[in-house]
Amino acid sequence: MMQIELQDSSKTMVMRVQGSFVGKFAEDARGLITHCKMLPKLVVDLSDVSFVDSTGEEVLAWFGQLGGMFVAKNAHSQHVCERLRLPMVASLSWHTRKRACGRAQASELLLDR
C-alpha cells in the first residue's frame, strides 16, 4: 500500500510518499505529475517509504530527470537516492494555504540545504 500527499505552490510542488513505492502505485504517481499543467520545482519526500521496486526506481529516476530534489530521512530511502544518484536536500518545511492544482493543496516551501 502507498499513500501520496501533494502540496503545491506556484514555485514548488512537494510529493510526500508513504509505504511501498511499487508497480502501478509508482506509475500513478508519475501520472499525477504528468497531469499538472505547469510543473514547478518538484521535491519528493521519501522519508516514510519502506520499499521501492524496479518500477518505483524507474519513476524516481524520471522525477530526477525532471529536476526533482529528494528528501530521505531513513536509511532505506537514503540508500535508494544514493544508488540512483538522485539529488537530495537535507529537510523541508512549509506553511499551508489554500490553492488547487488538481487535488493538490497549496503551500509555501522552504528548502534547508
Protein backbone atom coordinates (compact mmCIF):
# COMPACT_ATOMS: atom_id res chain seq x y z
CA MET A 1 0.00 0.00 0.00
CA MET A 2 1.12 3.54 -0.74
CA GLN A 3 -0.15 7.00 0.13
CA ILE A 4 0.77 10.20 -1.68
CA GLU A 5 0.17 13.73 -0.43
CA LEU A 6 0.77 16.64 -2.80
CA GLN A 7 1.36 20.17 -1.62
CA ASP A 8 1.62 22.76 -4.36
CA SER A 9 2.54 26.40 -4.65
CA SER A 10 3.38 28.46 -7.70
CA LYS A 11 7.09 27.74 -7.16
CA THR A 12 7.30 24.22 -5.69
CA MET A 13 5.32 21.00 -5.59
CA VAL A 14 6.07 18.64 -2.71
CA MET A 15 5.12 14.98 -3.10
CA ARG A 16 5.19 13.08 0.20
CA VAL A 17 5.22 9.33 -0.33
CA GLN A 18 4.43 6.76 2.37
CA GLY A 19 4.58 2.98 2.19
CA SER A 20 5.79 0.88 -0.74
CA PHE A 21 6.63 2.77 -3.95
CA VAL A 22 5.96 -0.10 -6.35
CA GLY A 23 4.36 -1.08 -9.65
CA LYS A 24 1.09 0.56 -10.55
CA PHE A 25 1.25 2.82 -7.50
CA ALA A 26 4.54 4.30 -8.74
CA GLU A 27 3.08 4.71 -12.24
CA ASP A 28 0.08 6.50 -10.71
CA ALA A 29 2.50 8.91 -9.00
CA ARG A 30 4.10 9.62 -12.38
CA GLY A 31 0.60 10.28 -13.76
CA LEU A 32 -0.12 12.83 -11.02
CA ILE A 33 2.94 14.83 -12.04
CA THR A 34 2.31 14.39 -15.77
CA HIS A 35 -1.21 15.82 -15.47
CA CYS A 36 -0.17 19.09 -13.80
CA LYS A 37 -0.36 21.83 -16.41
CA MET A 38 2.73 23.68 -15.20
CA LEU A 39 5.31 21.75 -13.26
CA PRO A 40 7.03 23.93 -10.68
CA LYS A 41 10.14 22.77 -8.84
CA LEU A 42 9.48 19.20 -7.65
CA VAL A 43 10.50 17.91 -4.21
CA VAL A 44 9.83 14.23 -3.46
CA ASP A 45 9.83 13.31 0.25
CA LEU A 46 10.73 9.62 0.56
CA SER A 47 11.23 9.68 4.33
CA ASP A 48 8.30 7.33 5.00
CA VAL A 49 8.93 4.90 2.12
CA SER A 50 9.57 1.34 3.24
CA PHE A 51 10.21 -0.38 -0.12
CA VAL A 52 10.92 0.57 -3.76
CA ASP A 53 10.78 -1.96 -6.63
CA SER A 54 12.28 -1.60 -10.13
CA THR A 55 9.22 0.29 -11.43
CA GLY A 56 9.43 2.65 -8.46
CA GLU A 57 13.13 3.20 -9.14
CA GLU A 58 12.35 3.99 -12.78
CA VAL A 59 9.75 6.57 -11.75
CA LEU A 60 12.09 8.12 -9.17
CA ALA A 61 14.83 8.37 -11.80
CA TRP A 62 12.29 10.07 -14.12
CA PHE A 63 11.45 12.56 -11.34
CA GLY A 64 15.19 13.22 -11.06
CA GLN A 65 15.42 13.84 -14.81
CA LEU A 66 12.67 16.45 -14.42
CA GLY A 67 14.91 18.26 -11.96
CA GLY A 68 13.29 16.83 -8.85
CA MET A 69 15.01 17.08 -5.46
CA PHE A 70 14.60 14.35 -2.84
CA VAL A 71 14.23 14.25 0.94
CA ALA A 72 15.35 10.98 2.53
CA LYS A 73 15.40 10.77 6.32
CA ASN A 74 15.66 6.99 6.83
CA ALA A 75 18.43 4.58 5.83
CA HIS A 76 16.38 2.83 3.14
CA SER A 77 15.31 5.98 1.32
CA GLN A 78 18.83 7.44 1.60
CA HIS A 79 20.26 4.25 0.09
CA VAL A 80 17.79 4.40 -2.81
CA CYS A 81 18.63 8.05 -3.52
CA GLU A 82 22.37 7.40 -3.37
CA ARG A 83 22.16 4.31 -5.59
CA LEU A 84 20.06 6.13 -8.20
CA ARG A 85 22.20 9.29 -7.81
CA LEU A 86 19.19 11.44 -7.00
CA PRO A 87 19.87 14.95 -5.66
CA MET A 88 18.92 15.26 -2.00
CA VAL A 89 18.03 18.19 0.23
CA ALA A 90 18.56 17.96 3.97
CA SER A 91 14.99 18.78 5.01
CA LEU A 92 11.97 20.84 4.14
CA SER A 93 9.27 22.79 5.88
CA TRP A 94 6.20 24.55 4.60
CA HIS A 95 3.23 26.66 5.57
CA THR A 96 -0.03 25.51 4.05
CA ARG A 97 -2.60 27.78 2.45
CA LYS A 98 -5.47 27.01 0.08
CA ARG A 99 -4.88 26.85 -3.69
CA ALA A 100 -5.68 23.98 -6.03
CA CYS A 101 -3.65 22.07 -8.65
CA GLY A 102 -5.84 19.07 -9.35
CA ARG A 103 -6.32 17.64 -5.85
CA ALA A 104 -3.13 19.17 -4.51
CA GLN A 105 -3.10 21.58 -1.63
CA ALA A 106 -1.02 24.73 -1.89
CA SER A 107 1.93 25.57 0.28
CA GLU A 108 4.92 27.77 0.62
CA LEU A 109 8.06 25.68 0.78
CA LEU A 110 11.42 26.41 2.32
CA LEU A 111 14.28 24.05 1.46
CA ASP A 112 17.01 23.65 4.04
CA ARG A 113 20.29 22.55 2.48
